[in-house]
Amino acid sequence: MRLWRTAVLLGLGLLWFWLGPLVPLLALASLAHPRVRRAWRPGSRVVAAWALAAVVLTGLVVVAPDGLLPMPSGSGALVTPGYTGRPFTPQPLSVVAPDAAADDGPLGLSPEVDSALYGTDQCGGLVFTSGGRLVVLCGAGDDQRLRVVDADSLRPLASKDLPDPPAGAGAACAEVSFHLDGLDRVVVPTADRRILVVATADGAGEADLTTEETHDLTGVLPEDDCLLAVRPDSDDRTWFVTRQGRAGFVDPLGGPPRLLELGEEVDQPLAAGPDGGVYVVTQAALHRLDVRRGDPVATWRSAYERGSGRKPGQRSQGSGSPATVLADGLVAITDNANPRMRVVVHVAADGARVCQSELFDDDASAAEGTLVAVGRGVVVANTHGYDGPLRTLLGRVPAGGLARVDVVGRECVPAWTSEAVAPSATPALAPASGLLYA
């Protein structure tokens, strides 16, 4: 009987795993009874043993190589289904956005789920190379690293730490956006105000991360600003934008970077259209930029409704979405209007407003992520109230919702709304099957 406390704890752990988070809550509530509290007063040896076990388990997770351990399962294994639904027959989309991927996705036929734990690293912006490897950017601010990951084992094949900001410089952008060029090279902005072009494979095709080009922007960007995003245009120029609203591109012929001052802070990545236009969403307006006589110019600017303040679930008081290029020469964003945000659609060529549509419920709508282009329409994920994984602790959920809006003539028409809560990552569309993944 000397080990009864340990036995009870192990039993509670199993019940938590099987039945969910109400088990530890009920256990804690039982401590309100004096007899239970007296029985659970462990001696110093018991406390030391529990502490040692916790340290050992934590240490194993910390020292284990990245990608070796699976992500820990949530609780409620017996009461939460691992899969619901049925296999889907592909229904390819007839009209897709100009930059839509042609890849298919799982159809719900005997799906299997694999995962890999990368410690406390937050890895985002997953992209596939032409050889099927994953490239991810992990960390945030001045602690960022690139990784090439095997798509089957999910183990890292190559890793590269990105430069820290120089001493005395302003804070690095917490989140940055990168892309792969036509040679499977990563084009990524760094905290020391440079743009790196990094190969993801060596001459033999093995995973590798070697810097092949460096574009130094320290001569045109002040120390208190930071590079937020890069993006190629239709002529393969590498455009960039900074937090303080400086935009431009790297001269493909090797000349100095070309710069344009927008005068408005930026939180969102860049977007580019097939006609050469580059779109910047600032905290006040949507801008279209083009190249004229070798320099970046602002072709048009369209202000949007900023609302009365930053909504829970967004980074700032402004649009939570970058511009999304649609079919038929249209471009869409979300605004920050009260009491409900709106999808706003413009003509890409001249910025004329085509239509707008309110979404979700009053005082419960926000977007922080890219809109999903579906032909002449978009799908929007509602992020209102979501500020991280703790927001869903003990089964709590934010407002949530998914909605599709189509442009029909000169009107924005809501096509459907789903109550699904998926605020933590941008949904993805598979045009070949007609499925949206969230």
Protein backbone atom coordinates (compact mmCIF):
# COMPACT_ATOMS: atom_id res chain seq x y z
CA MET A 1 0.00 0.00 0.00
CA ARG A 2 3.01 2.33 0.23
CA LEU A 3 2.77 2.95 -3.53
CA TRP A 4 -0.97 3.59 -3.63
CA ARG A 5 -0.55 7.25 -4.58
CA THR A 6 1.55 6.33 -7.59
CA ALA A 7 -0.95 3.67 -8.60
CA VAL A 8 -3.81 6.17 -8.36
CA LEU A 9 -1.88 8.72 -10.43
CA LEU A 10 -1.20 6.15 -13.12
CA GLY A 11 -4.86 5.21 -13.11
CA LEU A 12 -5.90 8.85 -13.44
CA GLY A 13 -3.45 9.22 -16.31
CA LEU A 14 -5.04 6.32 -18.16
CA LEU A 15 -8.53 7.65 -17.50
CA TRP A 16 -7.43 11.07 -18.77
CA PHE A 17 -6.08 9.48 -21.94
CA TRP A 18 -9.25 7.44 -22.46
CA LEU A 19 -11.95 9.87 -21.33
CA GLY A 20 -10.54 13.38 -21.71
CA PRO A 21 -9.69 16.48 -19.66
CA LEU A 22 -12.66 16.26 -17.28
CA VAL A 23 -10.84 13.48 -15.38
CA PRO A 24 -8.04 15.67 -13.94
CA LEU A 25 -10.56 18.44 -13.26
CA LEU A 26 -12.70 16.08 -11.18
CA ALA A 27 -9.57 14.83 -9.43
CA LEU A 28 -8.58 18.37 -8.52
CA ALA A 29 -12.12 19.13 -7.38
CA SER A 30 -11.95 16.15 -5.00
CA LEU A 31 -9.17 17.93 -3.10
CA ALA A 32 -11.83 20.23 -1.69
CA HIS A 33 -12.70 17.42 0.75
CA PRO A 34 -10.50 17.52 3.91
CA ARG A 35 -10.05 13.73 4.07
CA VAL A 36 -8.82 13.61 0.48
CA ARG A 37 -6.33 16.41 1.15
CA ARG A 38 -5.02 14.63 4.24
CA ALA A 39 -4.63 11.35 2.36
CA TRP A 40 -2.71 13.02 -0.46
CA ARG A 41 -0.06 14.70 1.67
CA PRO A 42 2.95 12.84 0.28
CA GLY A 43 6.26 12.55 2.08
CA SER A 44 9.49 14.05 0.84
CA ARG A 45 10.56 10.81 -0.86
CA VAL A 46 7.32 10.56 -2.82
CA VAL A 47 7.58 14.18 -3.95
CA ALA A 48 11.21 13.63 -4.96
CA ALA A 49 10.27 10.52 -6.96
CA TRP A 50 7.48 12.33 -8.80
CA ALA A 51 9.77 15.28 -9.53
CA LEU A 52 12.51 12.98 -10.81
CA ALA A 53 10.07 11.17 -13.09
CA ALA A 54 8.82 14.49 -14.51
CA VAL A 55 12.40 15.69 -15.11
CA VAL A 56 13.38 12.44 -16.83
CA LEU A 57 10.35 12.48 -19.13
CA THR A 58 10.91 16.15 -20.00
CA GLY A 59 14.59 15.51 -20.58
CA LEU A 60 13.87 12.66 -22.97
CA VAL A 61 11.68 14.95 -25.07
CA VAL A 62 14.25 17.77 -25.04
CA VAL A 63 17.31 15.68 -25.92
CA ALA A 64 15.56 13.46 -28.48
CA PRO A 65 16.56 14.36 -32.05
CA ASP A 66 14.01 16.48 -33.91
CA GLY A 67 11.52 14.35 -35.80
CA LEU A 68 12.30 11.14 -33.88
CA LEU A 69 9.27 11.15 -31.57
CA PRO A 70 5.65 11.46 -32.72
CA MET A 71 3.58 14.38 -31.53
CA PRO A 72 1.86 13.44 -28.24
CA SER A 73 -1.74 12.43 -28.64
CA GLY A 74 -4.55 14.44 -27.14
CA SER A 75 -6.80 12.94 -24.49
CA GLY A 76 -10.21 11.30 -24.94
CA ALA A 77 -9.14 8.35 -27.09
CA LEU A 78 -12.27 6.34 -26.26
CA VAL A 79 -14.78 9.16 -26.73
CA THR A 80 -13.26 11.04 -29.68
CA PRO A 81 -13.42 9.39 -33.12
CA GLY A 82 -10.16 9.26 -35.02
CA TYR A 83 -11.98 9.49 -38.34
CA THR A 84 -15.49 10.39 -39.48
CA GLY A 85 -17.02 10.63 -42.92
CA ARG A 86 -16.66 8.56 -46.04
CA PRO A 87 -14.38 8.30 -49.10
CA PHE A 88 -14.91 11.05 -51.66
CA THR A 89 -15.19 10.72 -55.42
CA PRO A 90 -13.03 13.42 -57.06
CA GLN A 91 -14.94 16.30 -58.67
CA PRO A 92 -12.28 18.44 -60.40
CA LEU A 93 -12.86 22.18 -60.46
CA SER A 94 -13.40 23.68 -63.90
CA VAL A 95 -12.24 27.18 -62.95
CA VAL A 96 -9.28 27.76 -60.66
CA ALA A 97 -7.17 30.71 -59.60
CA PRO A 98 -4.12 31.67 -61.70
CA ASP A 99 -1.61 30.24 -59.19
CA ALA A 100 -3.59 27.23 -57.95
CA ALA A 101 -1.65 24.00 -57.48
CA ALA A 102 -2.70 20.96 -59.48
CA ASP A 103 -1.82 18.45 -56.75
CA ASP A 104 -4.41 16.10 -55.33
CA GLY A 105 -4.90 15.21 -51.68
CA PRO A 106 -6.24 12.34 -49.56
CA LEU A 107 -9.75 11.20 -50.46
CA GLY A 108 -10.71 9.63 -47.13
CA LEU A 109 -10.01 6.07 -48.20
CA SER A 110 -8.31 4.34 -45.21
CA PRO A 111 -6.33 7.46 -44.26
CA GLU A 112 -3.22 7.17 -42.12
CA VAL A 113 -1.73 9.95 -40.01
CA ASP A 114 1.97 10.37 -39.24
CA SER A 115 3.54 13.09 -37.14
CA ALA A 116 6.93 14.19 -35.83
CA LEU A 117 7.78 16.29 -32.79
CA TYR A 118 10.15 19.22 -33.26
CA GLY A 119 10.35 20.31 -29.62
CA THR A 120 9.16 23.84 -29.03
CA ASP A 121 9.91 24.94 -32.60
CA GLN A 122 6.98 26.40 -34.47
CA CYS A 123 7.49 25.43 -38.10
CA GLY A 124 5.37 26.98 -40.83
CA GLY A 125 5.23 27.76 -44.51
CA LEU A 126 5.59 24.13 -45.60
CA VAL A 127 6.41 23.81 -49.30
CA PHE A 128 7.37 20.84 -51.46
CA THR A 129 10.40 20.70 -53.72
CA SER A 130 10.05 19.15 -57.17
CA GLY A 131 11.68 16.02 -55.71
CA GLY A 132 8.99 15.64 -53.04
CA ARG A 133 10.93 16.87 -50.01
CA LEU A 134 9.47 19.34 -47.54
CA VAL A 135 11.08 22.71 -46.84
CA VAL A 136 10.02 24.49 -43.65
CA LEU A 137 11.02 27.62 -41.75
CA CYS A 138 11.10 27.07 -38.00
CA GLY A 139 11.32 29.50 -35.09
CA ALA A 140 10.48 33.20 -35.02
CA GLY A 141 12.12 36.60 -34.67
CA ASP A 142 15.90 36.36 -34.32
CA ASP A 143 15.86 32.56 -33.83
CA GLN A 144 14.99 31.03 -37.19
CA ARG A 145 16.23 28.04 -39.11
CA LEU A 146 15.52 26.41 -42.44
CA ARG A 147 15.00 22.66 -42.62
CA VAL A 148 14.72 20.15 -45.42
CA VAL A 149 12.49 17.30 -44.22
CA ASP A 150 11.87 13.84 -45.64
CA ALA A 151 8.17 13.78 -46.52
CA ASP A 152 7.81 10.09 -45.59
CA SER A 153 9.73 9.78 -42.33
CA LEU A 154 9.31 13.46 -41.35
CA ARG A 155 12.94 13.41 -40.15
CA PRO A 156 15.13 16.47 -40.90
CA LEU A 157 17.66 15.89 -43.68
CA ALA A 158 19.41 19.27 -43.54
CA SER A 159 19.22 22.34 -41.31
CA LYS A 160 20.54 25.88 -41.54
CA ASP A 161 20.37 28.64 -38.92
CA LEU A 162 19.52 32.03 -40.37
CA PRO A 163 21.52 35.11 -39.32
CA ASP A 164 20.62 37.05 -36.18
CA PRO A 165 20.02 40.82 -36.34
CA PRO A 166 23.18 42.89 -35.80
CA ALA A 167 23.84 44.30 -32.33
CA GLY A 168 21.80 47.44 -31.69
CA ALA A 169 19.40 46.80 -34.57
CA GLY A 170 15.66 46.90 -34.14
CA ALA A 171 13.62 43.79 -33.45
CA ALA A 172 13.38 41.21 -36.22
CA CYS A 173 9.99 40.46 -37.77
CA ALA A 174 8.34 37.73 -35.71
CA GLU A 175 7.04 35.93 -38.78
CA VAL A 176 8.49 36.04 -42.29
CA SER A 177 7.38 34.61 -45.62
CA PHE A 178 9.62 32.71 -48.05
CA HIS A 179 9.22 30.86 -51.35
CA LEU A 180 10.98 28.38 -53.64
CA ASP A 181 12.22 29.54 -57.02
CA GLY A 182 12.20 27.48 -60.22
CA LEU A 183 15.43 25.72 -59.19
CA ASP A 184 14.04 24.52 -55.82
CA ARG A 185 16.08 27.19 -54.05
CA VAL A 186 14.72 28.89 -50.93
CA VAL A 187 14.43 32.66 -51.24
CA VAL A 188 14.13 33.95 -47.68
CA PRO A 189 14.52 37.31 -45.90
CA THR A 190 16.76 37.38 -42.82
CA ALA A 191 16.90 39.36 -39.59
CA ASP A 192 20.04 41.20 -40.74
CA ARG A 193 18.16 42.74 -43.69
CA ARG A 194 19.43 40.45 -46.42
CA ILE A 195 17.74 38.11 -48.88
CA LEU A 196 19.34 34.68 -49.16
CA VAL A 197 18.95 32.26 -52.05
CA VAL A 198 19.63 28.80 -50.60
CA ALA A 199 19.92 25.53 -52.54
CA THR A 200 17.95 22.62 -51.08
CA ALA A 201 20.00 19.86 -52.77
CA ASP A 202 23.62 19.34 -53.78
CA GLY A 203 24.96 18.25 -57.16
CA ALA A 204 24.15 14.62 -56.41
CA GLY A 205 20.57 15.43 -55.47
CA GLU A 206 21.11 14.89 -51.74
CA ALA A 207 19.42 17.23 -49.28
CA ASP A 208 21.56 20.30 -48.59
CA LEU A 209 21.18 23.93 -47.56
CA THR A 210 23.95 26.04 -49.09
CA THR A 211 23.65 29.77 -49.72
CA GLU A 212 24.18 30.48 -53.42
CA GLU A 213 23.23 34.17 -53.56
CA THR A 214 23.02 37.02 -51.05
CA HIS A 215 21.25 40.32 -51.66
CA ASP A 216 22.27 42.90 -49.08
CA LEU A 217 19.58 45.51 -48.32
CA THR A 218 21.32 47.16 -45.35
CA GLY A 219 22.22 50.11 -47.54
CA VAL A 220 18.59 50.92 -48.38
CA LEU A 221 16.73 49.81 -45.22
CA PRO A 222 17.18 51.48 -41.80
CA GLU A 223 18.23 49.43 -38.77
CA ASP A 224 14.87 49.83 -37.03
CA ASP A 225 12.99 48.19 -39.93
CA CYS A 226 12.81 44.49 -40.80
CA LEU A 227 12.18 42.38 -43.88
CA LEU A 228 8.77 40.73 -43.71
CA ALA A 229 8.24 38.88 -46.99
CA VAL A 230 9.62 38.13 -50.44
CA ARG A 231 7.79 37.09 -53.59
CA PRO A 232 8.63 36.65 -57.29
CA ASP A 233 6.62 38.48 -59.93
CA SER A 234 5.72 37.16 -63.37
CA ASP A 235 9.13 38.29 -64.70
CA ASP A 236 11.02 36.49 -61.88
CA ARG A 237 12.03 39.64 -60.06
CA THR A 238 12.32 39.09 -56.33
CA TRP A 239 10.10 41.63 -54.57
CA PHE A 240 10.31 42.39 -50.85
CA VAL A 241 8.31 44.32 -48.29
CA THR A 242 9.22 45.54 -44.79
CA ARG A 243 7.26 46.00 -41.59
CA GLN A 244 7.38 49.80 -41.88
CA GLY A 245 6.01 49.78 -45.42
CA ARG A 246 9.02 49.87 -47.72
CA ALA A 247 8.62 47.76 -50.85
CA GLY A 248 10.81 47.08 -53.84
CA PHE A 249 12.68 44.43 -55.75
CA VAL A 250 16.15 43.08 -56.26
CA ASP A 251 17.59 44.04 -59.64
CA PRO A 252 17.85 40.77 -61.63
CA LEU A 253 20.85 42.24 -63.51
CA GLY A 254 22.82 42.84 -60.32
CA GLY A 255 22.21 46.53 -59.83
CA PRO A 256 21.21 48.15 -56.54
CA PRO A 257 17.81 47.24 -55.02
CA ARG A 258 14.92 49.45 -56.14
CA LEU A 259 12.78 50.87 -53.33
CA LEU A 260 9.37 52.51 -52.90
CA GLU A 261 8.05 54.11 -49.69
CA LEU A 262 4.41 53.26 -48.97
CA GLY A 263 4.28 55.07 -45.62
CA GLU A 264 1.98 52.49 -43.98
CA GLU A 265 2.88 49.55 -41.73
CA VAL A 266 2.60 46.03 -43.15
CA ASP A 267 1.77 42.72 -41.47
CA GLN A 268 0.92 40.52 -44.44
CA PRO A 269 2.91 38.69 -47.16
CA LEU A 270 3.06 39.84 -50.77
CA ALA A 271 0.96 38.53 -53.63
CA ALA A 272 1.67 38.61 -57.36
CA GLY A 273 -0.54 38.31 -60.41
CA PRO A 274 0.07 36.85 -63.88
CA ASP A 275 -0.04 40.35 -65.44
CA GLY A 276 3.03 41.61 -63.55
CA GLY A 277 1.21 43.31 -60.69
CA VAL A 278 2.42 42.89 -57.09
CA TYR A 279 -0.02 43.48 -54.23
CA VAL A 280 0.74 44.80 -50.75
CA VAL A 281 -1.87 44.91 -47.98
CA THR A 282 -0.92 47.54 -45.41
CA GLN A 283 -2.76 48.29 -42.19
CA ALA A 284 -4.79 50.87 -44.13
CA ALA A 285 -5.11 49.94 -47.80
CA LEU A 286 -4.53 47.51 -50.66
CA HIS A 287 -1.77 48.67 -53.04
CA ARG A 288 -0.86 47.47 -56.51
CA LEU A 289 2.78 47.92 -57.52
CA ASP A 290 4.28 47.60 -61.00
CA VAL A 291 7.62 48.22 -62.71
CA ARG A 292 7.96 51.29 -64.91
CA ARG A 293 11.27 52.18 -66.56
CA GLY A 294 13.08 49.85 -64.20
CA ASP A 295 11.62 51.25 -60.96
CA PRO A 296 8.77 50.16 -58.68
CA VAL A 297 5.71 52.41 -58.87
CA ALA A 298 2.36 52.47 -57.09
CA THR A 299 -0.29 51.89 -59.76
CA TRP A 300 -3.26 52.28 -57.42
CA ARG A 301 -4.26 52.34 -53.76
CA SER A 302 -7.65 51.38 -52.31
CA ALA A 303 -8.35 52.07 -48.64
CA TYR A 304 -10.51 49.62 -46.68
CA GLU A 305 -12.51 49.82 -43.45
CA ARG A 306 -10.08 49.43 -40.52
CA GLY A 307 -12.71 49.16 -37.79
CA SER A 308 -12.40 50.52 -34.26
CA GLY A 309 -9.48 48.40 -33.04
CA ARG A 310 -7.58 45.15 -33.25
CA LYS A 311 -9.91 42.19 -33.08
CA PRO A 312 -9.00 39.14 -30.98
CA GLY A 313 -7.44 36.67 -33.37
CA GLN A 314 -5.59 39.27 -35.48
CA ARG A 315 -2.10 40.75 -35.22
CA SER A 316 -3.09 44.37 -35.79
CA GLN A 317 -5.91 46.76 -36.54
CA GLY A 318 -6.20 46.14 -40.24
CA SER A 319 -6.77 43.42 -42.78
CA GLY A 320 -5.71 40.00 -41.56
CA SER A 321 -5.23 38.62 -45.07
CA PRO A 322 -2.76 39.22 -47.86
CA ALA A 323 -4.20 39.90 -51.30
CA THR A 324 -5.50 36.83 -53.13
CA VAL A 325 -5.47 36.81 -56.94
CA LEU A 326 -8.64 35.31 -58.45
CA ALA A 327 -9.65 34.26 -61.95
CA ASP A 328 -10.79 36.84 -64.53
CA GLY A 329 -8.54 39.66 -63.32
CA LEU A 330 -9.88 40.01 -59.78
CA VAL A 331 -8.11 40.39 -56.43
CA ALA A 332 -9.64 39.98 -52.96
CA ILE A 333 -8.86 40.84 -49.32
CA THR A 334 -10.72 40.98 -46.01
CA ASP A 335 -11.23 44.25 -44.15
CA ASN A 336 -11.60 44.89 -40.39
CA ALA A 337 -15.08 46.38 -40.38
CA ASN A 338 -17.44 46.36 -37.39
CA PRO A 339 -19.58 44.56 -36.43
CA ARG A 340 -18.63 42.03 -39.13
CA MET A 341 -15.63 41.81 -41.40
CA ARG A 342 -16.15 41.71 -45.15
CA VAL A 343 -14.60 40.12 -48.18
CA VAL A 344 -13.77 42.96 -50.59
CA VAL A 345 -13.09 42.24 -54.28
CA HIS A 346 -11.32 44.64 -56.69
CA VAL A 347 -10.49 44.75 -60.36
CA ALA A 348 -6.78 43.95 -60.46
CA ALA A 349 -5.98 46.35 -63.32
CA ASP A 350 -7.32 49.60 -61.85
CA GLY A 351 -8.40 48.86 -58.26
CA ALA A 352 -12.09 49.50 -58.87
CA ARG A 353 -14.20 47.91 -56.15
CA VAL A 354 -16.40 45.17 -57.59
CA CYS A 355 -18.33 44.05 -54.50
CA GLN A 356 -18.12 43.18 -50.81
CA SER A 357 -19.88 40.74 -48.49
CA GLU A 358 -20.17 40.53 -44.70
CA LEU A 359 -19.28 37.22 -43.05
CA PHE A 360 -20.02 35.31 -39.85
CA ASP A 361 -21.71 36.81 -36.75
CA ASP A 362 -21.66 40.31 -35.25
CA ASP A 363 -18.59 40.92 -33.07
CA ALA A 364 -17.33 37.41 -33.85
CA SER A 365 -15.51 37.67 -37.17
CA ALA A 366 -11.84 38.10 -38.02
CA ALA A 367 -9.31 36.68 -40.45
CA GLU A 368 -5.59 36.13 -39.94
CA GLY A 369 -4.39 34.13 -42.90
CA THR A 370 -4.52 33.79 -46.65
CA LEU A 371 -7.87 33.52 -48.41
CA VAL A 372 -8.30 30.38 -50.51
CA ALA A 373 -8.98 31.21 -54.15
CA VAL A 374 -11.68 29.12 -55.83
CA GLY A 375 -12.13 30.44 -59.35
CA ARG A 376 -13.93 33.79 -59.02
CA GLY A 377 -14.50 33.25 -55.31
CA VAL A 378 -12.72 32.71 -52.02
CA VAL A 379 -13.00 30.58 -48.90
CA VAL A 380 -12.41 32.40 -45.59
CA ALA A 381 -11.51 30.88 -42.23
CA ASN A 382 -12.77 32.77 -39.17
CA THR A 383 -9.97 33.25 -36.60
CA HIS A 384 -11.87 35.50 -34.18
CA GLY A 385 -10.82 34.81 -30.59
CA TYR A 386 -7.99 32.41 -31.43
CA ASP A 387 -4.63 33.46 -29.97
CA GLY A 388 -2.88 30.11 -29.65
CA PRO A 389 -3.29 26.44 -28.64
CA LEU A 390 -4.22 27.30 -25.04
CA ARG A 391 -7.42 28.89 -26.39
CA THR A 392 -8.74 25.37 -27.06
CA LEU A 393 -7.79 23.95 -23.65
CA LEU A 394 -10.50 21.83 -21.97
CA GLY A 395 -12.63 21.79 -25.08
CA ARG A 396 -13.07 25.56 -25.34
CA VAL A 397 -13.39 26.75 -28.91
CA PRO A 398 -13.38 30.21 -30.52
CA ALA A 399 -16.20 31.38 -32.78
CA GLY A 400 -14.76 29.69 -35.87
CA GLY A 401 -16.43 28.96 -39.14
CA LEU A 402 -15.57 28.63 -42.82
CA ALA A 403 -17.38 30.50 -45.57
CA ARG A 404 -17.23 30.68 -49.35
CA VAL A 405 -18.07 33.85 -51.29
CA ASP A 406 -18.38 33.86 -55.09
CA VAL A 407 -18.33 36.84 -57.43
CA VAL A 408 -21.41 36.63 -59.63
CA GLY A 409 -21.55 39.52 -62.06
CA ARG A 410 -20.94 42.59 -59.88
CA GLU A 411 -22.12 40.98 -56.63
CA CYS A 412 -20.36 39.03 -53.88
CA VAL A 413 -22.68 36.12 -53.15
CA PRO A 414 -22.21 33.88 -50.07
CA ALA A 415 -22.24 30.32 -51.39
CA TRP A 416 -22.08 28.36 -48.11
CA THR A 417 -21.02 28.58 -44.47
CA SER A 418 -19.64 25.80 -42.30
CA GLU A 419 -19.46 25.74 -38.49
CA ALA A 420 -16.10 23.95 -38.59
CA VAL A 421 -13.56 25.64 -36.32
CA ALA A 422 -10.16 25.73 -38.07
CA PRO A 423 -8.35 28.94 -37.07
CA SER A 424 -4.74 27.81 -36.69
CA ALA A 425 -3.66 27.25 -40.31
CA THR A 426 -4.77 28.44 -43.73
CA PRO A 427 -6.99 25.88 -45.49
CA ALA A 428 -5.65 24.30 -48.67
CA LEU A 429 -7.48 23.53 -51.91
CA ALA A 430 -6.92 20.52 -54.18
CA PRO A 431 -8.48 21.54 -57.54
CA ALA A 432 -7.92 18.04 -58.98
CA SER A 433 -10.35 16.54 -56.47
CA GLY A 434 -12.51 19.55 -55.57
CA LEU A 435 -11.70 19.20 -51.87
CA LEU A 436 -10.76 21.81 -49.29
CA TYR A 437 -8.49 20.73 -46.42
CA ALA A 438 -8.56 22.55 -43.08
